[in-house]
Amino acid sequence: MSTNGYRGGPRTPLAHPEWTYIEKAALNDFTADELDVLNAQRRIYYAESQAEAILAMFAVAEHEPSFGYQINHFQHGLQSATMLFRAGYDEEDVVVGLLHDIGFVACPDRHGAFAAELLGAYVGDDNLWMLRHHQVAGSASGRDRWRDHPSFEWTLTFVEQFDQNAVDPDYENLPLSFFEPLVRRIFARTPRPLPVTE
């Protein structure tokens, strides 16, 4: 018996019944061959599950109350995405609009960075920068500080037209189901590698 009192129990079912469990309880004990098996299964699992996990994370806020806005941040995301879609923006921009505030409650002071980390491997540089900076780009100090950055104009356009204006309870949002295929296609892209840092 372990020191924390846990006696074990049934294993979590495999996502695919033909997959293999690694029969060791400590990752440091995995052999190179076992890690190869695990990583092959992991790639498929992420490809099949990542978009669904993100959609579920977004949808959990559907019935949250507001702290003062006339709509909650779930409706705000739908409204931002709907406005971008109706204005003719591409699929990536629409998905970024949908998810730009996904961390609004869980990570309020850094929700832009949260969304950037979530989407960063699947979107272009302009959208990645916009996600990281949209919290401050609407303020005068934000404008002055970042004005010379190549992604600043898109960030300012997004904030002024599709973020700050997307809190109208009378605006007719498209339903989440409309955006689900778009989200799945964005997360089906080959992710960009993590940047090398020291």
N, C-alpha and C. Protein backbone atom coordinates (compact mmCIF):
# COMPACT_ATOMS: atom_id res chain seq x y z
N MET A 1 0.85 -1.20 0.00
CA MET A 1 0.00 0.00 0.00
C MET A 1 0.88 1.25 0.00
N SER A 2 0.50 2.28 -0.78
CA SER A 2 1.29 3.50 -0.81
C SER A 2 1.09 4.30 0.46
N THR A 3 2.00 5.23 0.70
CA THR A 3 1.94 6.02 1.93
C THR A 3 0.75 6.97 1.97
N ASN A 4 0.14 7.27 0.83
CA ASN A 4 -1.01 8.18 0.86
C ASN A 4 -2.34 7.46 1.06
N GLY A 5 -2.28 6.14 1.26
CA GLY A 5 -3.49 5.39 1.56
C GLY A 5 -4.23 4.89 0.34
N TYR A 6 -3.78 5.22 -0.87
CA TYR A 6 -4.47 4.76 -2.07
C TYR A 6 -4.16 3.29 -2.31
N ARG A 7 -5.19 2.48 -2.49
CA ARG A 7 -5.00 1.05 -2.67
C ARG A 7 -5.09 0.61 -4.12
N GLY A 8 -5.28 1.53 -5.01
CA GLY A 8 -5.40 1.16 -6.42
C GLY A 8 -6.85 0.94 -6.79
N GLY A 9 -7.05 0.46 -7.97
CA GLY A 9 -8.40 0.23 -8.45
C GLY A 9 -8.37 -0.03 -9.93
N PRO A 10 -9.52 0.04 -10.56
CA PRO A 10 -9.56 -0.25 -12.00
C PRO A 10 -8.76 0.79 -12.79
N ARG A 11 -8.16 0.33 -13.83
CA ARG A 11 -7.41 1.22 -14.71
C ARG A 11 -8.38 2.10 -15.50
N THR A 12 -7.89 3.26 -15.87
CA THR A 12 -8.64 4.11 -16.80
C THR A 12 -8.69 3.39 -18.15
N PRO A 13 -9.85 3.31 -18.77
CA PRO A 13 -9.92 2.63 -20.08
C PRO A 13 -9.04 3.32 -21.11
N LEU A 14 -8.47 2.54 -21.99
CA LEU A 14 -7.71 3.09 -23.10
C LEU A 14 -8.65 3.73 -24.11
N ALA A 15 -8.20 4.78 -24.76
CA ALA A 15 -9.02 5.45 -25.77
C ALA A 15 -9.33 4.53 -26.94
N HIS A 16 -8.43 3.62 -27.24
CA HIS A 16 -8.62 2.61 -28.28
C HIS A 16 -8.33 1.25 -27.66
N PRO A 17 -9.24 0.31 -27.73
CA PRO A 17 -9.05 -0.97 -27.05
C PRO A 17 -7.82 -1.74 -27.52
N GLU A 18 -7.37 -1.48 -28.75
CA GLU A 18 -6.20 -2.20 -29.25
C GLU A 18 -4.87 -1.59 -28.77
N TRP A 19 -4.93 -0.46 -28.08
CA TRP A 19 -3.72 0.16 -27.56
C TRP A 19 -3.15 -0.64 -26.39
N THR A 20 -1.96 -0.26 -25.97
CA THR A 20 -1.23 -0.98 -24.94
C THR A 20 -1.02 -0.10 -23.72
N TYR A 21 -1.27 -0.65 -22.53
CA TYR A 21 -0.87 0.02 -21.30
C TYR A 21 0.64 -0.16 -21.12
N ILE A 22 1.29 0.80 -20.54
CA ILE A 22 2.67 0.63 -20.11
C ILE A 22 2.59 0.11 -18.68
N GLU A 23 3.13 -1.05 -18.44
CA GLU A 23 2.91 -1.79 -17.20
C GLU A 23 3.87 -1.37 -16.08
N LYS A 24 4.16 -0.09 -15.99
CA LYS A 24 5.01 0.42 -14.92
C LYS A 24 4.32 1.63 -14.31
N ALA A 25 4.55 1.84 -13.03
CA ALA A 25 3.85 2.91 -12.33
C ALA A 25 4.68 4.18 -12.21
N ALA A 26 5.92 4.18 -12.70
CA ALA A 26 6.77 5.37 -12.62
C ALA A 26 7.34 5.66 -14.01
N LEU A 27 7.16 6.88 -14.49
CA LEU A 27 7.62 7.23 -15.82
C LEU A 27 9.12 7.05 -15.99
N ASN A 28 9.88 7.26 -14.92
CA ASN A 28 11.33 7.11 -15.00
C ASN A 28 11.75 5.67 -15.30
N ASP A 29 10.84 4.72 -15.08
CA ASP A 29 11.15 3.31 -15.33
C ASP A 29 10.82 2.86 -16.75
N PHE A 30 10.20 3.72 -17.56
CA PHE A 30 9.82 3.32 -18.91
C PHE A 30 11.09 3.11 -19.76
N THR A 31 11.07 2.05 -20.54
CA THR A 31 12.16 1.81 -21.48
C THR A 31 11.95 2.68 -22.73
N ALA A 32 12.98 2.74 -23.56
CA ALA A 32 12.87 3.51 -24.80
C ALA A 32 11.76 2.95 -25.69
N ASP A 33 11.63 1.62 -25.75
CA ASP A 33 10.57 1.01 -26.56
C ASP A 33 9.19 1.35 -25.99
N GLU A 34 9.07 1.34 -24.68
CA GLU A 34 7.78 1.68 -24.06
C GLU A 34 7.43 3.14 -24.31
N LEU A 35 8.43 4.01 -24.26
CA LEU A 35 8.18 5.42 -24.56
C LEU A 35 7.77 5.62 -26.01
N ASP A 36 8.34 4.83 -26.91
CA ASP A 36 7.93 4.90 -28.32
C ASP A 36 6.46 4.52 -28.48
N VAL A 37 6.04 3.45 -27.80
CA VAL A 37 4.64 3.03 -27.84
C VAL A 37 3.75 4.13 -27.27
N LEU A 38 4.12 4.63 -26.11
CA LEU A 38 3.33 5.68 -25.45
C LEU A 38 3.21 6.91 -26.34
N ASN A 39 4.31 7.35 -26.92
CA ASN A 39 4.29 8.57 -27.73
C ASN A 39 3.51 8.39 -29.02
N ALA A 40 3.56 7.20 -29.61
CA ALA A 40 2.75 6.94 -30.81
C ALA A 40 1.27 7.02 -30.47
N GLN A 41 0.88 6.43 -29.36
CA GLN A 41 -0.53 6.48 -28.93
C GLN A 41 -0.91 7.91 -28.53
N ARG A 42 0.02 8.60 -27.89
CA ARG A 42 -0.25 9.97 -27.44
C ARG A 42 -0.55 10.90 -28.62
N ARG A 43 0.22 10.78 -29.71
CA ARG A 43 0.00 11.64 -30.88
C ARG A 43 -1.42 11.47 -31.43
N ILE A 44 -1.86 10.24 -31.51
CA ILE A 44 -3.22 9.97 -32.01
C ILE A 44 -4.26 10.51 -31.03
N TYR A 45 -4.02 10.27 -29.75
CA TYR A 45 -4.95 10.72 -28.71
C TYR A 45 -5.12 12.24 -28.75
N TYR A 46 -4.01 12.97 -28.82
CA TYR A 46 -4.10 14.43 -28.88
C TYR A 46 -4.82 14.88 -30.14
N ALA A 47 -4.48 14.25 -31.27
CA ALA A 47 -5.12 14.64 -32.53
C ALA A 47 -6.64 14.45 -32.47
N GLU A 48 -7.07 13.40 -31.78
CA GLU A 48 -8.50 13.11 -31.69
C GLU A 48 -9.21 13.89 -30.58
N SER A 49 -8.47 14.32 -29.56
CA SER A 49 -9.11 14.82 -28.34
C SER A 49 -8.89 16.29 -28.05
N GLN A 50 -7.85 16.91 -28.60
CA GLN A 50 -7.50 18.26 -28.19
C GLN A 50 -8.62 19.26 -28.48
N ALA A 51 -9.13 19.26 -29.70
CA ALA A 51 -10.18 20.23 -30.04
C ALA A 51 -11.42 20.03 -29.17
N GLU A 52 -11.76 18.76 -28.90
CA GLU A 52 -12.95 18.49 -28.07
C GLU A 52 -12.74 19.01 -26.65
N ALA A 53 -11.52 18.86 -26.13
CA ALA A 53 -11.22 19.36 -24.78
C ALA A 53 -11.34 20.88 -24.73
N ILE A 54 -10.87 21.55 -25.77
CA ILE A 54 -10.93 23.01 -25.81
C ILE A 54 -12.37 23.49 -25.97
N LEU A 55 -13.13 22.83 -26.81
CA LEU A 55 -14.54 23.19 -26.95
C LEU A 55 -15.29 22.98 -25.64
N ALA A 56 -14.98 21.91 -24.93
CA ALA A 56 -15.62 21.66 -23.63
C ALA A 56 -15.23 22.74 -22.62
N MET A 57 -13.95 23.15 -22.65
CA MET A 57 -13.48 24.21 -21.75
C MET A 57 -14.21 25.52 -22.03
N PHE A 58 -14.42 25.81 -23.31
CA PHE A 58 -15.15 27.02 -23.67
C PHE A 58 -16.62 26.91 -23.26
N ALA A 59 -17.23 25.77 -23.54
CA ALA A 59 -18.68 25.60 -23.32
C ALA A 59 -19.05 25.59 -21.85
N VAL A 60 -18.11 25.27 -20.97
CA VAL A 60 -18.44 25.20 -19.54
C VAL A 60 -18.91 26.56 -19.01
N ALA A 61 -18.54 27.64 -19.70
CA ALA A 61 -18.92 28.98 -19.26
C ALA A 61 -20.28 29.44 -19.78
N GLU A 62 -20.98 28.58 -20.51
CA GLU A 62 -22.22 29.02 -21.16
C GLU A 62 -23.24 29.61 -20.19
N HIS A 63 -23.35 29.06 -19.01
CA HIS A 63 -24.39 29.51 -18.07
C HIS A 63 -23.82 30.29 -16.89
N GLU A 64 -22.57 30.72 -16.99
CA GLU A 64 -21.98 31.50 -15.90
C GLU A 64 -22.68 32.85 -15.79
N PRO A 65 -22.82 33.36 -14.57
CA PRO A 65 -23.38 34.71 -14.42
C PRO A 65 -22.37 35.76 -14.86
N SER A 66 -22.81 36.98 -14.94
CA SER A 66 -21.94 38.10 -15.29
C SER A 66 -21.59 38.88 -14.03
N PHE A 67 -20.45 39.55 -14.05
CA PHE A 67 -20.10 40.45 -12.94
C PHE A 67 -20.46 41.89 -13.28
N GLY A 68 -21.12 42.11 -14.42
CA GLY A 68 -21.53 43.47 -14.77
C GLY A 68 -21.80 43.67 -16.25
N TYR A 69 -21.06 42.96 -17.11
CA TYR A 69 -21.39 43.01 -18.53
C TYR A 69 -22.79 42.44 -18.72
N GLN A 70 -23.46 42.87 -19.81
CA GLN A 70 -24.81 42.36 -20.06
C GLN A 70 -24.80 40.94 -20.60
N ILE A 71 -23.63 40.46 -21.06
CA ILE A 71 -23.49 39.07 -21.48
C ILE A 71 -22.24 38.49 -20.82
N ASN A 72 -22.21 37.17 -20.65
CA ASN A 72 -21.03 36.55 -20.05
C ASN A 72 -19.94 36.35 -21.12
N HIS A 73 -18.78 35.85 -20.68
CA HIS A 73 -17.68 35.77 -21.64
C HIS A 73 -17.87 34.65 -22.65
N PHE A 74 -18.72 33.67 -22.38
CA PHE A 74 -19.09 32.68 -23.39
C PHE A 74 -19.80 33.37 -24.56
N GLN A 75 -20.83 34.17 -24.24
CA GLN A 75 -21.55 34.92 -25.27
C GLN A 75 -20.65 35.95 -25.95
N HIS A 76 -19.74 36.53 -25.19
CA HIS A 76 -18.79 37.49 -25.75
C HIS A 76 -17.91 36.82 -26.81
N GLY A 77 -17.42 35.62 -26.51
CA GLY A 77 -16.61 34.88 -27.49
C GLY A 77 -17.41 34.56 -28.74
N LEU A 78 -18.65 34.09 -28.54
CA LEU A 78 -19.51 33.82 -29.70
C LEU A 78 -19.74 35.09 -30.52
N GLN A 79 -19.94 36.20 -29.82
CA GLN A 79 -20.23 37.45 -30.53
C GLN A 79 -19.00 37.93 -31.31
N SER A 80 -17.85 37.86 -30.70
CA SER A 80 -16.63 38.24 -31.39
C SER A 80 -16.42 37.39 -32.64
N ALA A 81 -16.57 36.07 -32.49
CA ALA A 81 -16.39 35.15 -33.62
C ALA A 81 -17.45 35.39 -34.70
N THR A 82 -18.68 35.63 -34.30
CA THR A 82 -19.76 35.88 -35.26
C THR A 82 -19.50 37.15 -36.05
N MET A 83 -19.07 38.19 -35.36
CA MET A 83 -18.76 39.45 -36.03
C MET A 83 -17.61 39.29 -37.03
N LEU A 84 -16.57 38.57 -36.64
CA LEU A 84 -15.44 38.32 -37.54
C LEU A 84 -15.88 37.51 -38.75
N PHE A 85 -16.70 36.49 -38.53
CA PHE A 85 -17.19 35.67 -39.63
C PHE A 85 -18.02 36.51 -40.60
N ARG A 86 -18.93 37.29 -40.06
CA ARG A 86 -19.81 38.11 -40.91
C ARG A 86 -19.04 39.21 -41.64
N ALA A 87 -17.90 39.62 -41.07
CA ALA A 87 -17.08 40.64 -41.73
C ALA A 87 -16.14 40.04 -42.78
N GLY A 88 -16.16 38.70 -42.94
CA GLY A 88 -15.39 38.06 -43.98
C GLY A 88 -13.98 37.66 -43.60
N TYR A 89 -13.69 37.64 -42.31
CA TYR A 89 -12.35 37.22 -41.88
C TYR A 89 -12.19 35.71 -42.05
N ASP A 90 -10.92 35.28 -42.10
CA ASP A 90 -10.67 33.86 -42.36
C ASP A 90 -10.92 33.01 -41.12
N GLU A 91 -10.89 31.72 -41.34
CA GLU A 91 -11.23 30.75 -40.31
C GLU A 91 -10.36 30.89 -39.05
N GLU A 92 -9.07 31.10 -39.24
CA GLU A 92 -8.19 31.26 -38.09
C GLU A 92 -8.58 32.47 -37.25
N ASP A 93 -8.83 33.59 -37.89
CA ASP A 93 -9.22 34.80 -37.16
C ASP A 93 -10.53 34.59 -36.40
N VAL A 94 -11.46 33.88 -37.02
CA VAL A 94 -12.75 33.61 -36.38
C VAL A 94 -12.56 32.74 -35.12
N VAL A 95 -11.74 31.71 -35.23
CA VAL A 95 -11.49 30.83 -34.08
C VAL A 95 -10.76 31.59 -32.98
N VAL A 96 -9.82 32.42 -33.35
CA VAL A 96 -9.11 33.25 -32.36
C VAL A 96 -10.11 34.18 -31.67
N GLY A 97 -11.03 34.74 -32.43
CA GLY A 97 -12.07 35.57 -31.81
C GLY A 97 -12.93 34.79 -30.83
N LEU A 98 -13.28 33.58 -31.20
CA LEU A 98 -14.09 32.74 -30.32
C LEU A 98 -13.38 32.48 -28.99
N LEU A 99 -12.08 32.19 -29.05
CA LEU A 99 -11.35 31.70 -27.88
C LEU A 99 -10.45 32.73 -27.22
N HIS A 100 -10.47 33.99 -27.67
CA HIS A 100 -9.49 34.95 -27.16
C HIS A 100 -9.61 35.20 -25.66
N ASP A 101 -10.78 35.00 -25.08
CA ASP A 101 -10.97 35.21 -23.63
C ASP A 101 -11.25 33.91 -22.89
N ILE A 102 -10.82 32.79 -23.42
CA ILE A 102 -11.16 31.49 -22.82
C ILE A 102 -10.66 31.39 -21.38
N GLY A 103 -9.60 32.07 -21.04
CA GLY A 103 -9.10 32.02 -19.67
C GLY A 103 -9.58 33.17 -18.79
N PHE A 104 -10.63 33.84 -19.19
CA PHE A 104 -11.08 35.08 -18.56
C PHE A 104 -11.34 34.95 -17.06
N VAL A 105 -11.94 33.85 -16.64
CA VAL A 105 -12.25 33.67 -15.22
C VAL A 105 -11.13 32.90 -14.52
N ALA A 106 -10.62 31.85 -15.16
CA ALA A 106 -9.60 31.02 -14.53
C ALA A 106 -8.27 31.74 -14.38
N CYS A 107 -7.99 32.68 -15.28
CA CYS A 107 -6.69 33.36 -15.30
C CYS A 107 -6.90 34.83 -15.67
N PRO A 108 -7.67 35.59 -14.86
CA PRO A 108 -8.14 36.90 -15.30
C PRO A 108 -7.05 37.90 -15.68
N ASP A 109 -6.00 38.00 -14.89
CA ASP A 109 -4.99 39.02 -15.16
C ASP A 109 -4.04 38.63 -16.29
N ARG A 110 -4.08 37.37 -16.71
CA ARG A 110 -3.20 36.90 -17.77
C ARG A 110 -3.97 36.07 -18.80
N HIS A 111 -5.25 36.40 -18.97
CA HIS A 111 -6.04 35.57 -19.87
C HIS A 111 -5.59 35.67 -21.32
N GLY A 112 -4.98 36.78 -21.70
CA GLY A 112 -4.44 36.89 -23.05
C GLY A 112 -3.28 35.92 -23.26
N ALA A 113 -2.39 35.86 -22.28
CA ALA A 113 -1.27 34.92 -22.34
C ALA A 113 -1.77 33.48 -22.32
N PHE A 114 -2.83 33.24 -21.53
CA PHE A 114 -3.43 31.90 -21.46
C PHE A 114 -3.92 31.47 -22.85
N ALA A 115 -4.67 32.35 -23.51
CA ALA A 115 -5.18 32.03 -24.84
C ALA A 115 -4.05 31.89 -25.85
N ALA A 116 -3.00 32.71 -25.71
CA ALA A 116 -1.86 32.62 -26.62
C ALA A 116 -1.16 31.27 -26.48
N GLU A 117 -1.01 30.79 -25.25
CA GLU A 117 -0.39 29.48 -25.05
C GLU A 117 -1.27 28.37 -25.60
N LEU A 118 -2.57 28.50 -25.44
CA LEU A 118 -3.50 27.49 -25.92
C LEU A 118 -3.50 27.39 -27.44
N LEU A 119 -3.50 28.52 -28.12
CA LEU A 119 -3.62 28.57 -29.58
C LEU A 119 -2.31 28.77 -30.32
N GLY A 120 -1.26 29.16 -29.62
CA GLY A 120 -0.04 29.65 -30.25
C GLY A 120 0.59 28.72 -31.26
N ALA A 121 0.54 27.44 -31.04
CA ALA A 121 1.18 26.49 -31.97
C ALA A 121 0.38 26.30 -33.25
N TYR A 122 -0.85 26.84 -33.30
CA TYR A 122 -1.75 26.57 -34.42
C TYR A 122 -2.14 27.81 -35.21
N VAL A 123 -1.68 28.97 -34.79
CA VAL A 123 -2.06 30.22 -35.46
C VAL A 123 -0.81 30.98 -35.88
N GLY A 124 -1.02 31.97 -36.76
CA GLY A 124 0.08 32.77 -37.25
C GLY A 124 0.58 33.78 -36.23
N ASP A 125 1.68 34.42 -36.59
CA ASP A 125 2.34 35.36 -35.67
C ASP A 125 1.46 36.54 -35.29
N ASP A 126 0.67 37.07 -36.24
CA ASP A 126 -0.19 38.21 -35.91
C ASP A 126 -1.22 37.85 -34.85
N ASN A 127 -1.84 36.68 -35.01
CA ASN A 127 -2.85 36.28 -34.02
C ASN A 127 -2.21 35.90 -32.69
N LEU A 128 -1.05 35.30 -32.72
CA LEU A 128 -0.36 34.97 -31.48
C LEU A 128 -0.03 36.24 -30.71
N TRP A 129 0.50 37.24 -31.39
CA TRP A 129 0.85 38.50 -30.73
C TRP A 129 -0.40 39.21 -30.23
N MET A 130 -1.44 39.18 -31.06
CA MET A 130 -2.70 39.83 -30.65
C MET A 130 -3.25 39.20 -29.38
N LEU A 131 -3.25 37.86 -29.33
CA LEU A 131 -3.77 37.20 -28.14
C LEU A 131 -3.00 37.62 -26.90
N ARG A 132 -1.69 37.68 -27.00
CA ARG A 132 -0.86 38.05 -25.85
C ARG A 132 -1.09 39.48 -25.40
N HIS A 133 -1.43 40.38 -26.35
CA HIS A 133 -1.45 41.81 -26.03
C HIS A 133 -2.83 42.45 -26.07
N HIS A 134 -3.88 41.70 -26.39
CA HIS A 134 -5.17 42.36 -26.56
C HIS A 134 -5.69 42.97 -25.26
N GLN A 135 -5.25 42.49 -24.11
CA GLN A 135 -5.70 43.05 -22.84
C GLN A 135 -5.27 44.50 -22.67
N VAL A 136 -4.09 44.86 -23.19
CA VAL A 136 -3.58 46.21 -22.98
C VAL A 136 -3.65 47.09 -24.22
N ALA A 137 -3.91 46.49 -25.38
CA ALA A 137 -3.87 47.27 -26.63
C ALA A 137 -4.99 48.30 -26.72
N GLY A 138 -6.05 48.11 -25.96
CA GLY A 138 -7.14 49.08 -26.01
C GLY A 138 -6.88 50.33 -25.19
N SER A 139 -5.86 50.30 -24.34
CA SER A 139 -5.56 51.47 -23.51
C SER A 139 -4.57 52.39 -24.21
N ALA A 140 -4.55 53.67 -23.81
CA ALA A 140 -3.64 54.64 -24.42
C ALA A 140 -2.19 54.21 -24.20
N SER A 141 -1.87 53.75 -23.00
CA SER A 141 -0.49 53.33 -22.73
C SER A 141 -0.12 52.11 -23.57
N GLY A 142 -1.06 51.21 -23.78
CA GLY A 142 -0.81 50.05 -24.62
C GLY A 142 -0.55 50.46 -26.06
N ARG A 143 -1.32 51.42 -26.54
CA ARG A 143 -1.12 51.89 -27.90
C ARG A 143 0.26 52.50 -28.07
N ASP A 144 0.66 53.33 -27.10
CA ASP A 144 1.96 54.00 -27.21
C ASP A 144 3.12 53.01 -27.13
N ARG A 145 2.99 52.05 -26.25
CA ARG A 145 4.09 51.12 -26.01
C ARG A 145 4.36 50.22 -27.20
N TRP A 146 3.30 49.76 -27.88
CA TRP A 146 3.45 48.73 -28.90
C TRP A 146 3.21 49.22 -30.33
N ARG A 147 3.02 50.50 -30.53
CA ARG A 147 2.59 51.03 -31.82
C ARG A 147 3.48 50.61 -33.00
N ASP A 148 4.77 50.43 -32.78
CA ASP A 148 5.69 50.12 -33.87
C ASP A 148 5.80 48.62 -34.15
N HIS A 149 5.11 47.81 -33.40
CA HIS A 149 5.20 46.36 -33.63
C HIS A 149 4.42 46.00 -34.90
N PRO A 150 4.94 45.06 -35.73
CA PRO A 150 4.25 44.71 -36.98
C PRO A 150 2.84 44.15 -36.79
N SER A 151 2.55 43.59 -35.64
CA SER A 151 1.21 43.02 -35.41
C SER A 151 0.28 43.97 -34.67
N PHE A 152 0.76 45.19 -34.42
CA PHE A 152 -0.03 46.13 -33.64
C PHE A 152 -1.34 46.52 -34.34
N GLU A 153 -1.29 46.78 -35.64
CA GLU A 153 -2.50 47.25 -36.33
C GLU A 153 -3.61 46.20 -36.29
N TRP A 154 -3.25 44.92 -36.51
CA TRP A 154 -4.27 43.88 -36.41
C TRP A 154 -4.81 43.79 -34.99
N THR A 155 -3.94 43.91 -34.02
CA THR A 155 -4.37 43.84 -32.62
C THR A 155 -5.34 44.97 -32.31
N LEU A 156 -5.02 46.18 -32.74
CA LEU A 156 -5.89 47.32 -32.50
C LEU A 156 -7.23 47.15 -33.22
N THR A 157 -7.19 46.66 -34.46
CA THR A 157 -8.43 46.39 -35.20
C THR A 157 -9.28 45.38 -34.46
N PHE A 158 -8.66 44.29 -34.02
CA PHE A 158 -9.41 43.27 -33.30
C PHE A 158 -10.03 43.84 -32.03
N VAL A 159 -9.24 44.54 -31.24
CA VAL A 159 -9.73 45.07 -29.96
C VAL A 159 -10.88 46.06 -30.19
N GLU A 160 -10.70 46.99 -31.11
CA GLU A 160 -11.69 48.05 -31.28
C GLU A 160 -12.96 47.56 -31.98
N GLN A 161 -12.84 46.63 -32.94
CA GLN A 161 -14.00 46.23 -33.73
C GLN A 161 -14.65 44.93 -33.27
N PHE A 162 -13.85 44.03 -32.69
CA PHE A 162 -14.37 42.68 -32.43
C PHE A 162 -14.22 42.22 -30.98
N ASP A 163 -13.74 43.09 -30.12
CA ASP A 163 -13.60 42.75 -28.70
C ASP A 163 -14.41 43.73 -27.86
N GLN A 164 -14.02 44.98 -27.88
CA GLN A 164 -14.72 45.97 -27.06
C GLN A 164 -16.16 46.20 -27.51
N ASN A 165 -16.48 45.90 -28.76
CA ASN A 165 -17.84 46.07 -29.27
C ASN A 165 -18.67 44.80 -29.19
N ALA A 166 -18.12 43.74 -28.62
CA ALA A 166 -18.81 42.44 -28.64
C ALA A 166 -19.42 42.11 -27.28
N VAL A 167 -20.22 43.04 -26.75
CA VAL A 167 -20.89 42.83 -25.46
C VAL A 167 -22.37 43.24 -25.54
N ASP A 168 -22.96 43.05 -26.71
CA ASP A 168 -24.32 43.51 -26.96
C ASP A 168 -25.31 42.35 -26.81
N PRO A 169 -26.20 42.42 -25.82
CA PRO A 169 -27.15 41.32 -25.62
C PRO A 169 -28.17 41.19 -26.75
N ASP A 170 -28.32 42.22 -27.58
CA ASP A 170 -29.28 42.17 -28.68
C ASP A 170 -28.68 41.68 -29.99
N TYR A 171 -27.37 41.49 -30.01
CA TYR A 171 -26.71 41.00 -31.23
C TYR A 171 -27.01 39.51 -31.38
N GLU A 172 -27.31 39.09 -32.60
CA GLU A 172 -27.67 37.69 -32.84
C GLU A 172 -26.42 36.86 -33.13
N ASN A 173 -25.93 36.19 -32.10
CA ASN A 173 -24.74 35.35 -32.23
C ASN A 173 -25.07 34.06 -32.97
N LEU A 174 -24.10 33.58 -33.73
CA LEU A 174 -24.19 32.21 -34.25
C LEU A 174 -23.96 31.24 -33.09
N PRO A 175 -24.53 30.04 -33.14
CA PRO A 175 -24.37 29.09 -32.03
C PRO A 175 -22.96 28.48 -32.03
N LEU A 176 -22.56 27.94 -30.90
CA LEU A 176 -21.26 27.28 -30.80
C LEU A 176 -21.14 26.17 -31.83
N SER A 177 -22.21 25.46 -32.10
CA SER A 177 -22.16 24.36 -33.07
C SER A 177 -21.67 24.82 -34.45
N PHE A 178 -21.95 26.07 -34.81
CA PHE A 178 -21.46 26.60 -36.08
C PHE A 178 -19.93 26.66 -36.11
N PHE A 179 -19.32 26.98 -34.97
CA PHE A 179 -17.88 27.18 -34.91
C PHE A 179 -17.10 25.90 -34.61
N GLU A 180 -17.77 24.88 -34.15
CA GLU A 180 -17.07 23.65 -33.76
C GLU A 180 -16.21 23.07 -34.90
N PRO A 181 -16.72 22.96 -36.14
CA PRO A 181 -15.87 22.43 -37.22
C PRO A 181 -14.64 23.30 -37.49
N LEU A 182 -14.77 24.61 -37.33
CA LEU A 182 -13.65 25.52 -37.54
C LEU A 182 -12.58 25.27 -36.49
N VAL A 183 -13.01 25.13 -35.23
CA VAL A 183 -12.06 24.86 -34.14
C VAL A 183 -11.34 23.54 -34.39
N ARG A 184 -12.09 22.53 -34.82
CA ARG A 184 -11.46 21.22 -35.09
C ARG A 184 -10.43 21.33 -36.21
N ARG A 185 -10.72 22.11 -37.23
CA ARG A 185 -9.76 22.24 -38.33
C ARG A 185 -8.50 22.99 -37.90
N ILE A 186 -8.65 24.02 -37.09
CA ILE A 186 -7.47 24.76 -36.61
C ILE A 186 -6.58 23.84 -35.78
N PHE A 187 -7.18 23.05 -34.89
CA PHE A 187 -6.36 22.18 -34.02
C PHE A 187 -5.94 20.89 -34.72
N ALA A 188 -6.40 20.68 -35.93
CA ALA A 188 -5.90 19.56 -36.73
C ALA A 188 -4.63 19.95 -37.49
N ARG A 189 -4.27 21.23 -37.47
CA ARG A 189 -3.04 21.67 -38.13
C ARG A 189 -1.83 21.04 -37.43
N THR A 190 -0.75 20.91 -38.17
CA THR A 190 0.50 20.48 -37.56
C THR A 190 1.00 21.60 -36.66
N PRO A 191 1.19 21.34 -35.37
CA PRO A 191 1.60 22.43 -34.48
C PRO A 191 3.02 22.91 -34.78
N ARG A 192 3.21 24.22 -34.62
CA ARG A 192 4.55 24.77 -34.74
C ARG A 192 5.39 24.28 -33.57
N PRO A 193 6.68 24.07 -33.78
CA PRO A 193 7.52 23.64 -32.65
C PRO A 193 7.66 24.75 -31.62
N LEU A 194 7.90 24.34 -30.39
CA LEU A 194 8.15 25.32 -29.34
C LEU A 194 9.44 26.07 -29.66
N PRO A 195 9.47 27.37 -29.36
CA PRO A 195 10.71 28.12 -29.60
C PRO A 195 11.80 27.64 -28.65
N VAL A 196 13.02 27.69 -29.13
CA VAL A 196 14.15 27.30 -28.29
C VAL A 196 14.49 28.46 -27.38
N THR A 197 14.50 28.23 -26.08
CA THR A 197 14.86 29.28 -25.12
C THR A 197 15.96 28.75 -24.22
N GLU A 198 16.71 29.67 -23.66
CA GLU A 198 17.79 29.27 -22.75
C GLU A 198 17.36 29.47 -21.32
